[in-house]
Amino acid sequence: MIDHNNQEEYRDPMNYDLEFGGETDKYEFFLQLAKKNPGHVLELACGTGLATLYLAERGVQISGVDIVEPMLAYARVKAKDLPVAFIEADARTFESDQRFSMIFLTGNAFQAFLSDEDQQALLQTAYNHLEPGGIFAFEMRNPDGNDLSDEEEEHWGTFVDVDGVTVNVSGSQTYDAEKQIMHWTTVRDWGHRQTTSRIACRFTDVQTLKQLLSKQGFTLERQYANWDQTTFQPSSPMVISVCKKG
C-alpha cells in the first residue's frame, strides 16, 4: 500500500514536540472527558506523551501505548516521577488484562490505520479494553471539509528547534482517491541541512466511520467540529467522535 513504514515523522522526538506541542485546548478536552469518566485511562498511539502527561500531571490515572520506541523513550524521560506506564505495542494487537474507563487517540492517529482491516483491529482493541459503559474518543480530518487535491511543494510554516534554530517547513501532497489515502512529503530546512519525511493518512468519510463504530458495538454519543465542542457539520474540517461501549 505504501513503500515506507509510516514512521518517518517520528524519528526526532524532541523536535516533534517543539513543532506539534502546545495544543492545550485539545488536551483540556480529553482531561474534562476523563474527569467525567473517572478511572484508569489509556491513550493509544500516544507518541511522546503530550496528551498523556498533560492528563497525568492533573491527577488522571493514565497509561500510553505506542509502536515507535524513540517516541516512548522520550515520553518516559518527560514523565520523571509521574506514575505513568508507557508500553511499546501495536494498537492493532495490544492486549492487557487491564480494563479502562476511557480510551482515546489524538493527533489524527486514527488516520494512520490505512486499511479496513487495520481500522477494525484498532476499534476491536479499544472495545475489548474498555469497561462496560466506557468511553472511546478520537478525532480525524473530515474528507468533505478538506481540500484533497494534489499540491506541489509549498511553505507550511516554521518552528524553533532544540538548539534555538528556526526551521522552515514545506511540503507537498498527493491523494489516492481509490484507496482514500493522502500521501504527504514534508521538508524541514535548517539552512545548513534538510530532512525529508513521508506520511500516509486515510480519509474515511463520516458515514463509513459511523458504520465501522456501530459494527464494532460502539454507540456514537456525540460528534464535534472542534475542541470547543461546536456541533459537527458535514463541511467541518475535523470530526471528533465520542463513543460508548454498550
C-alpha atoms as a PDB file:
ATOM      1  CA  MET A   1       0.000   0.000   0.000  1.00  0.00           C
ATOM      2  CA  ILE A   2       2.914   2.331   0.834  1.00  0.00           C
ATOM      3  CA  ASP A   3       6.655   1.883   0.364  1.00  0.00           C
ATOM      4  CA  HIS A   4       7.701   3.036   3.854  1.00  0.00           C
ATOM      5  CA  ASN A   5       6.805   2.173   7.446  1.00  0.00           C
ATOM      6  CA  ASN A   6       4.768   5.365   8.022  1.00  0.00           C
ATOM      7  CA  GLN A   7       7.014   6.304  10.944  1.00  0.00           C
ATOM      8  CA  GLU A   8       9.420   8.761   9.306  1.00  0.00           C
ATOM      9  CA  GLU A   9       7.738  11.743  11.005  1.00  0.00           C
ATOM     10  CA  TYR A  10       8.655  10.305  14.401  1.00  0.00           C
ATOM     11  CA  ARG A  11      12.449   9.979  14.126  1.00  0.00           C
ATOM     12  CA  ASP A  12      13.204  13.150  16.140  1.00  0.00           C
ATOM     13  CA  PRO A  13      11.007  13.173  19.268  1.00  0.00           C
ATOM     14  CA  MET A  14      12.367  16.349  20.881  1.00  0.00           C
ATOM     15  CA  ASN A  15      11.822  18.481  17.804  1.00  0.00           C
ATOM     16  CA  TYR A  16       8.484  16.746  17.188  1.00  0.00           C
ATOM     17  CA  ASP A  17       7.269  18.160  20.496  1.00  0.00           C
ATOM     18  CA  LEU A  18       8.516  21.634  19.623  1.00  0.00           C
ATOM     19  CA  GLU A  19       6.768  21.554  16.254  1.00  0.00           C
ATOM     20  CA  PHE A  20       3.476  19.969  17.298  1.00  0.00           C
ATOM     21  CA  GLY A  21       3.108  20.504  21.050  1.00  0.00           C
ATOM     22  CA  GLY A  22       1.161  23.124  22.950  1.00  0.00           C
ATOM     23  CA  GLU A  23      -2.371  22.229  21.822  1.00  0.00           C
ATOM     24  CA  THR A  24      -3.842  22.998  25.227  1.00  0.00           C
ATOM     25  CA  ASP A  25      -7.445  23.148  24.002  1.00  0.00           C
ATOM     26  CA  LYS A  26      -7.161  19.559  22.800  1.00  0.00           C
ATOM     27  CA  TYR A  27      -5.544  18.311  25.991  1.00  0.00           C
ATOM     28  CA  GLU A  28      -8.239  20.071  28.034  1.00  0.00           C
ATOM     29  CA  PHE A  29     -10.962  18.356  26.008  1.00  0.00           C
ATOM     30  CA  PHE A  30      -9.629  14.923  26.915  1.00  0.00           C
ATOM     31  CA  LEU A  31      -8.942  15.972  30.515  1.00  0.00           C
ATOM     32  CA  GLN A  32     -12.549  17.042  31.045  1.00  0.00           C
ATOM     33  CA  LEU A  33     -13.789  13.869  29.356  1.00  0.00           C
ATOM     34  CA  ALA A  34     -11.600  11.792  31.675  1.00  0.00           C
ATOM     35  CA  LYS A  35     -12.919  13.633  34.728  1.00  0.00           C
ATOM     36  CA  LYS A  36     -16.482  12.805  33.663  1.00  0.00           C
ATOM     37  CA  ASN A  37     -15.499   9.149  33.326  1.00  0.00           C
ATOM     38  CA  PRO A  38     -13.219   8.544  36.319  1.00  0.00           C
ATOM     39  CA  GLY A  39     -10.970   5.521  36.370  1.00  0.00           C
ATOM     40  CA  HIS A  40      -7.901   4.320  34.502  1.00  0.00           C
ATOM     41  CA  VAL A  41      -7.440   5.999  31.087  1.00  0.00           C
ATOM     42  CA  LEU A  42      -5.491   4.674  28.087  1.00  0.00           C
ATOM     43  CA  GLU A  43      -4.099   6.670  25.177  1.00  0.00           C
ATOM     44  CA  LEU A  44      -3.399   4.587  22.078  1.00  0.00           C
ATOM     45  CA  ALA A  45      -0.732   5.880  19.652  1.00  0.00           C
ATOM     46  CA  CYS A  46       0.430   8.216  22.425  1.00  0.00           C
ATOM     47  CA  GLY A  47       3.728   9.259  20.808  1.00  0.00           C
ATOM     48  CA  THR A  48       5.857  11.359  23.159  1.00  0.00           C
ATOM     49  CA  GLY A  49       3.011  11.560  25.646  1.00  0.00           C
ATOM     50  CA  LEU A  50       1.993  15.153  25.002  1.00  0.00           C
ATOM     51  CA  ALA A  51      -1.631  14.433  25.929  1.00  0.00           C
ATOM     52  CA  THR A  52      -0.897  11.523  28.283  1.00  0.00           C
ATOM     53  CA  LEU A  53       1.374  13.597  30.505  1.00  0.00           C
ATOM     54  CA  TYR A  54      -0.940  16.624  30.476  1.00  0.00           C
ATOM     55  CA  LEU A  55      -3.637  14.417  31.995  1.00  0.00           C
ATOM     56  CA  ALA A  56      -1.237  12.672  34.385  1.00  0.00           C
ATOM     57  CA  GLU A  57       0.055  15.993  35.720  1.00  0.00           C
ATOM     58  CA  ARG A  58      -3.536  16.845  36.616  1.00  0.00           C
ATOM     59  CA  GLY A  59      -4.240  13.713  38.590  1.00  0.00           C
ATOM     60  CA  VAL A  60      -5.606  11.323  35.974  1.00  0.00           C
ATOM     61  CA  GLN A  61      -4.522   7.678  36.252  1.00  0.00           C
ATOM     62  CA  ILE A  62      -3.332   7.002  32.708  1.00  0.00           C
ATOM     63  CA  SER A  63      -1.179   4.731  30.537  1.00  0.00           C
ATOM     64  CA  GLY A  64       0.075   5.173  26.982  1.00  0.00           C
ATOM     65  CA  VAL A  65       0.712   2.741  24.132  1.00  0.00           C
ATOM     66  CA  ASP A  66       2.766   3.409  21.005  1.00  0.00           C
ATOM     67  CA  ILE A  67       4.665   1.409  18.405  1.00  0.00           C
ATOM     68  CA  VAL A  68       7.574   3.864  17.960  1.00  0.00           C
ATOM     69  CA  GLU A  69      10.209   3.184  20.617  1.00  0.00           C
ATOM     70  CA  PRO A  70      12.121   6.520  20.348  1.00  0.00           C
ATOM     71  CA  MET A  71       8.896   8.446  20.979  1.00  0.00           C
ATOM     72  CA  LEU A  72       8.145   6.317  24.040  1.00  0.00           C
ATOM     73  CA  ALA A  73      11.703   6.691  25.330  1.00  0.00           C
ATOM     74  CA  TYR A  74      11.330  10.471  25.279  1.00  0.00           C
ATOM     75  CA  ALA A  75       7.885  10.214  26.881  1.00  0.00           C
ATOM     76  CA  ARG A  76       9.427   8.267  29.774  1.00  0.00           C
ATOM     77  CA  VAL A  77      12.129  10.915  30.211  1.00  0.00           C
ATOM     78  CA  LYS A  78       9.498  13.659  30.358  1.00  0.00           C
ATOM     79  CA  ALA A  79       7.342  11.672  32.799  1.00  0.00           C
ATOM     80  CA  LYS A  80      10.045  11.883  35.510  1.00  0.00           C
ATOM     81  CA  ASP A  81       8.356  10.583  38.673  1.00  0.00           C
ATOM     82  CA  LEU A  82       4.787  10.585  37.385  1.00  0.00           C
ATOM     83  CA  PRO A  83       3.086   7.170  37.792  1.00  0.00           C
ATOM     84  CA  VAL A  84       2.550   6.629  34.061  1.00  0.00           C
ATOM     85  CA  ALA A  85       3.168   3.355  32.217  1.00  0.00           C
ATOM     86  CA  PHE A  86       4.347   3.775  28.625  1.00  0.00           C
ATOM     87  CA  ILE A  87       4.019   0.491  26.731  1.00  0.00           C
ATOM     88  CA  GLU A  88       5.590  -0.355  23.384  1.00  0.00           C
ATOM     89  CA  ALA A  89       2.927  -2.173  21.371  1.00  0.00           C
ATOM     90  CA  ASP A  90       0.938  -2.081  18.149  1.00  0.00           C
ATOM     91  CA  ALA A  91      -2.519  -0.639  18.823  1.00  0.00           C
ATOM     92  CA  ARG A  92      -3.994  -3.227  16.455  1.00  0.00           C
ATOM     93  CA  THR A  93      -2.759  -6.167  18.517  1.00  0.00           C
ATOM     94  CA  PHE A  94      -2.269  -4.717  22.020  1.00  0.00           C
ATOM     95  CA  GLU A  95      -3.516  -6.993  24.800  1.00  0.00           C
ATOM     96  CA  SER A  96      -3.817  -6.319  28.510  1.00  0.00           C
ATOM     97  CA  ASP A  97      -5.819  -7.662  31.445  1.00  0.00           C
ATOM     98  CA  GLN A  98      -6.485  -4.052  32.474  1.00  0.00           C
ATOM     99  CA  ARG A  99      -9.859  -2.542  31.582  1.00  0.00           C
ATOM    100  CA  PHE A 100     -10.153   1.206  31.162  1.00  0.00           C
ATOM    101  CA  SER A 101     -12.853   3.785  31.855  1.00  0.00           C
ATOM    102  CA  MET A 102     -11.759   5.775  28.791  1.00  0.00           C
ATOM    103  CA  ILE A 103      -9.557   5.160  25.760  1.00  0.00           C
ATOM    104  CA  PHE A 104      -8.587   7.867  23.292  1.00  0.00           C
ATOM    105  CA  LEU A 105      -6.398   8.674  20.300  1.00  0.00           C
ATOM    106  CA  THR A 106      -5.407  12.111  19.128  1.00  0.00           C
ATOM    107  CA  GLY A 107      -3.137  13.799  16.592  1.00  0.00           C
ATOM    108  CA  ASN A 108      -5.397  12.340  13.887  1.00  0.00           C
ATOM    109  CA  ALA A 109      -3.807   8.986  14.763  1.00  0.00           C
ATOM    110  CA  PHE A 110      -6.902   7.098  13.594  1.00  0.00           C
ATOM    111  CA  GLN A 111      -5.962   8.074  10.041  1.00  0.00           C
ATOM    112  CA  ALA A 112      -2.650   6.212  10.295  1.00  0.00           C
ATOM    113  CA  PHE A 113      -4.600   2.943  10.093  1.00  0.00           C
ATOM    114  CA  LEU A 114      -4.759   2.668   6.333  1.00  0.00           C
ATOM    115  CA  SER A 115      -6.980  -0.332   5.574  1.00  0.00           C
ATOM    116  CA  ASP A 116     -10.390  -1.609   6.622  1.00  0.00           C
ATOM    117  CA  GLU A 117      -8.640  -4.430   8.468  1.00  0.00           C
ATOM    118  CA  ASP A 118      -6.341  -2.040  10.340  1.00  0.00           C
ATOM    119  CA  GLN A 119      -9.220   0.195  11.386  1.00  0.00           C
ATOM    120  CA  GLN A 120     -11.309  -2.758  12.535  1.00  0.00           C
ATOM    121  CA  ALA A 121      -8.387  -4.167  14.531  1.00  0.00           C
ATOM    122  CA  LEU A 122      -7.833  -0.810  16.231  1.00  0.00           C
ATOM    123  CA  LEU A 123     -11.510  -0.473  17.124  1.00  0.00           C
ATOM    124  CA  GLN A 124     -11.530  -4.071  18.400  1.00  0.00           C
ATOM    125  CA  THR A 125      -8.597  -3.255  20.685  1.00  0.00           C
ATOM    126  CA  ALA A 126     -10.400  -0.214  22.071  1.00  0.00           C
ATOM    127  CA  TYR A 127     -13.673  -2.075  22.575  1.00  0.00           C
ATOM    128  CA  ASN A 128     -12.059  -5.092  24.227  1.00  0.00           C
ATOM    129  CA  HIS A 129     -10.122  -2.981  26.724  1.00  0.00           C
ATOM    130  CA  LEU A 130     -12.953  -0.715  27.849  1.00  0.00           C
ATOM    131  CA  GLU A 131     -15.045  -1.292  30.917  1.00  0.00           C
ATOM    132  CA  PRO A 132     -18.798  -1.678  30.236  1.00  0.00           C
ATOM    133  CA  GLY A 133     -20.060   1.829  29.535  1.00  0.00           C
ATOM    134  CA  GLY A 134     -16.518   3.065  28.934  1.00  0.00           C
ATOM    135  CA  ILE A 135     -15.775   5.968  26.586  1.00  0.00           C
ATOM    136  CA  PHE A 136     -13.748   5.892  23.353  1.00  0.00           C
ATOM    137  CA  ALA A 137     -12.853   9.257  21.796  1.00  0.00           C
ATOM    138  CA  PHE A 138     -10.742  10.370  18.846  1.00  0.00           C
ATOM    139  CA  GLU A 139     -10.578  12.925  16.048  1.00  0.00           C
ATOM    140  CA  MET A 140      -9.880  12.737  12.341  1.00  0.00           C
ATOM    141  CA  ARG A 141      -9.878  15.062   9.366  1.00  0.00           C
ATOM    142  CA  ASN A 142     -13.190  15.106   7.504  1.00  0.00           C
ATOM    143  CA  PRO A 143     -12.691  14.437   3.766  1.00  0.00           C
ATOM    144  CA  ASP A 144     -15.704  16.618   2.936  1.00  0.00           C
ATOM    145  CA  GLY A 145     -14.170  19.550   4.804  1.00  0.00           C
ATOM    146  CA  ASN A 146     -10.648  19.407   3.375  1.00  0.00           C
ATOM    147  CA  ASP A 147      -9.019  20.080   0.016  1.00  0.00           C
ATOM    148  CA  LEU A 148      -7.734  16.687  -1.134  1.00  0.00           C
ATOM    149  CA  SER A 149      -6.340  17.857  -4.459  1.00  0.00           C
ATOM    150  CA  ASP A 150      -2.691  17.226  -5.287  1.00  0.00           C
ATOM    151  CA  GLU A 151      -0.394  20.107  -4.349  1.00  0.00           C
ATOM    152  CA  GLU A 152       3.201  20.878  -5.266  1.00  0.00           C
ATOM    153  CA  GLU A 153       5.654  21.781  -2.515  1.00  0.00           C
ATOM    154  CA  GLU A 154       4.722  24.964  -0.679  1.00  0.00           C
ATOM    155  CA  HIS A 155       5.716  26.682   2.563  1.00  0.00           C
ATOM    156  CA  TRP A 156       3.787  25.374   5.577  1.00  0.00           C
ATOM    157  CA  GLY A 157       5.347  27.252   8.484  1.00  0.00           C
ATOM    158  CA  THR A 158       8.266  27.396  10.907  1.00  0.00           C
ATOM    159  CA  PHE A 159       9.261  26.199  14.356  1.00  0.00           C
ATOM    160  CA  VAL A 160      12.233  26.777  16.657  1.00  0.00           C
ATOM    161  CA  ASP A 161      14.223  23.604  17.326  1.00  0.00           C
ATOM    162  CA  VAL A 162      16.026  22.393  20.466  1.00  0.00           C
ATOM    163  CA  ASP A 163      19.093  24.465  19.581  1.00  0.00           C
ATOM    164  CA  GLY A 164      17.121  27.667  19.026  1.00  0.00           C
ATOM    165  CA  VAL A 165      17.341  27.448  15.234  1.00  0.00           C
ATOM    166  CA  THR A 166      14.321  28.487  13.163  1.00  0.00           C
ATOM    167  CA  VAL A 167      13.347  25.626  10.871  1.00  0.00           C
ATOM    168  CA  ASN A 168      11.365  26.277   7.692  1.00  0.00           C
ATOM    169  CA  VAL A 169       8.782  23.602   6.942  1.00  0.00           C
ATOM    170  CA  SER A 170       7.354  22.961   3.481  1.00  0.00           C
ATOM    171  CA  GLY A 171       5.580  20.054   1.862  1.00  0.00           C
ATOM    172  CA  SER A 172       3.503  18.540  -0.887  1.00  0.00           C
ATOM    173  CA  GLN A 173       0.512  16.223  -1.040  1.00  0.00           C
ATOM    174  CA  THR A 174      -0.790  13.550  -3.389  1.00  0.00           C
ATOM    175  CA  TYR A 175      -4.169  11.891  -2.907  1.00  0.00           C
ATOM    176  CA  ASP A 176      -5.040   8.333  -3.909  1.00  0.00           C
ATOM    177  CA  ALA A 177      -8.817   8.584  -4.283  1.00  0.00           C
ATOM    178  CA  GLU A 178      -9.304   4.858  -4.815  1.00  0.00           C
ATOM    179  CA  LYS A 179      -7.668   3.953  -1.508  1.00  0.00           C
ATOM    180  CA  GLN A 180      -8.704   7.218   0.227  1.00  0.00           C
ATOM    181  CA  ILE A 181      -5.084   7.785   1.247  1.00  0.00           C
ATOM    182  CA  MET A 182      -3.286  11.117   1.317  1.00  0.00           C
ATOM    183  CA  HIS A 183       0.488  10.986   0.878  1.00  0.00           C
ATOM    184  CA  TRP A 184       2.342  13.936   2.402  1.00  0.00           C
ATOM    185  CA  THR A 185       6.033  14.693   1.950  1.00  0.00           C
ATOM    186  CA  THR A 186       7.492  17.165   4.440  1.00  0.00           C
ATOM    187  CA  VAL A 187      10.788  19.028   4.021  1.00  0.00           C
ATOM    188  CA  ARG A 188      12.399  20.694   7.040  1.00  0.00           C
ATOM    189  CA  ASP A 189      15.151  23.180   6.229  1.00  0.00           C
ATOM    190  CA  TRP A 190      17.679  24.244   8.863  1.00  0.00           C
ATOM    191  CA  GLY A 191      19.648  26.325   6.386  1.00  0.00           C
ATOM    192  CA  HIS A 192      22.710  24.099   6.715  1.00  0.00           C
ATOM    193  CA  ARG A 193      20.799  20.831   6.273  1.00  0.00           C
ATOM    194  CA  GLN A 194      17.447  19.416   5.199  1.00  0.00           C
ATOM    195  CA  THR A 195      15.375  16.401   6.184  1.00  0.00           C
ATOM    196  CA  THR A 196      12.568  14.782   4.222  1.00  0.00           C
ATOM    197  CA  SER A 197       9.848  12.578   5.682  1.00  0.00           C
ATOM    198  CA  ARG A 198       6.792  10.846   4.304  1.00  0.00           C
ATOM    199  CA  ILE A 199       3.485  10.029   5.942  1.00  0.00           C
ATOM    200  CA  ALA A 200       0.263   8.486   4.669  1.00  0.00           C
ATOM    201  CA  CYS A 201      -3.175   9.079   6.197  1.00  0.00           C
ATOM    202  CA  ARG A 202      -6.532   7.588   5.304  1.00  0.00           C
ATOM    203  CA  PHE A 203      -9.532   9.883   4.855  1.00  0.00           C
ATOM    204  CA  THR A 204     -12.566   7.904   5.977  1.00  0.00           C
ATOM    205  CA  ASP A 205     -15.898   9.578   5.302  1.00  0.00           C
ATOM    206  CA  VAL A 206     -18.133  10.209   8.291  1.00  0.00           C
ATOM    207  CA  GLN A 207     -20.902   7.828   7.218  1.00  0.00           C
ATOM    208  CA  THR A 208     -18.428   4.970   6.816  1.00  0.00           C
ATOM    209  CA  LEU A 209     -16.952   5.830  10.206  1.00  0.00           C
ATOM    210  CA  LYS A 210     -20.374   5.575  11.822  1.00  0.00           C
ATOM    211  CA  GLN A 211     -20.855   2.150  10.260  1.00  0.00           C
ATOM    212  CA  LEU A 212     -17.439   0.976  11.482  1.00  0.00           C
ATOM    213  CA  LEU A 213     -18.190   2.088  15.032  1.00  0.00           C
ATOM    214  CA  SER A 214     -21.640   0.515  15.043  1.00  0.00           C
ATOM    215  CA  LYS A 215     -20.301  -2.754  13.640  1.00  0.00           C
ATOM    216  CA  GLN A 216     -17.790  -2.906  16.470  1.00  0.00           C
ATOM    217  CA  GLY A 217     -20.508  -2.396  19.072  1.00  0.00           C
ATOM    218  CA  PHE A 218     -19.935   1.261  19.918  1.00  0.00           C
ATOM    219  CA  THR A 219     -22.742   3.748  20.432  1.00  0.00           C
ATOM    220  CA  LEU A 220     -21.842   7.113  18.912  1.00  0.00           C
ATOM    221  CA  GLU A 221     -22.749   9.597  21.637  1.00  0.00           C
ATOM    222  CA  ARG A 222     -21.602  12.912  20.139  1.00  0.00           C
ATOM    223  CA  GLN A 223     -19.615  14.404  17.274  1.00  0.00           C
ATOM    224  CA  TYR A 224     -17.945  17.806  17.443  1.00  0.00           C
ATOM    225  CA  ALA A 225     -16.308  20.082  14.885  1.00  0.00           C
ATOM    226  CA  ASN A 226     -13.582  21.364  17.229  1.00  0.00           C
ATOM    227  CA  TRP A 227     -12.245  21.145  20.771  1.00  0.00           C
ATOM    228  CA  ASP A 228     -14.696  23.841  21.903  1.00  0.00           C
ATOM    229  CA  GLN A 229     -17.432  21.243  21.271  1.00  0.00           C
ATOM    230  CA  THR A 230     -19.087  23.074  18.394  1.00  0.00           C
ATOM    231  CA  THR A 231     -21.610  20.749  16.774  1.00  0.00           C
ATOM    232  CA  PHE A 232     -20.181  18.875  13.794  1.00  0.00           C
ATOM    233  CA  GLN A 233     -21.437  19.888  10.343  1.00  0.00           C
ATOM    234  CA  PRO A 234     -20.899  17.957   7.066  1.00  0.00           C
ATOM    235  CA  SER A 235     -18.389  20.583   5.867  1.00  0.00           C
ATOM    236  CA  SER A 236     -16.417  20.803   9.138  1.00  0.00           C
ATOM    237  CA  PRO A 237     -12.683  20.208   8.554  1.00  0.00           C
ATOM    238  CA  MET A 238     -12.445  17.960  11.609  1.00  0.00           C
ATOM    239  CA  VAL A 239     -14.749  15.487  13.333  1.00  0.00           C
ATOM    240  CA  ILE A 240     -14.296  14.495  16.973  1.00  0.00           C
ATOM    241  CA  SER A 241     -16.220  11.354  17.895  1.00  0.00           C
ATOM    242  CA  VAL A 242     -17.170  10.376  21.445  1.00  0.00           C
ATOM    243  CA  CYS A 243     -18.416   6.800  21.677  1.00  0.00           C
ATOM    244  CA  LYS A 244     -19.599   4.463  24.427  1.00  0.00           C
ATOM    245  CA  LYS A 245     -19.127   0.742  24.845  1.00  0.00           C
ATOM    246  CA  GLY A 246     -22.538  -0.896  25.090  1.00  0.00           C
END
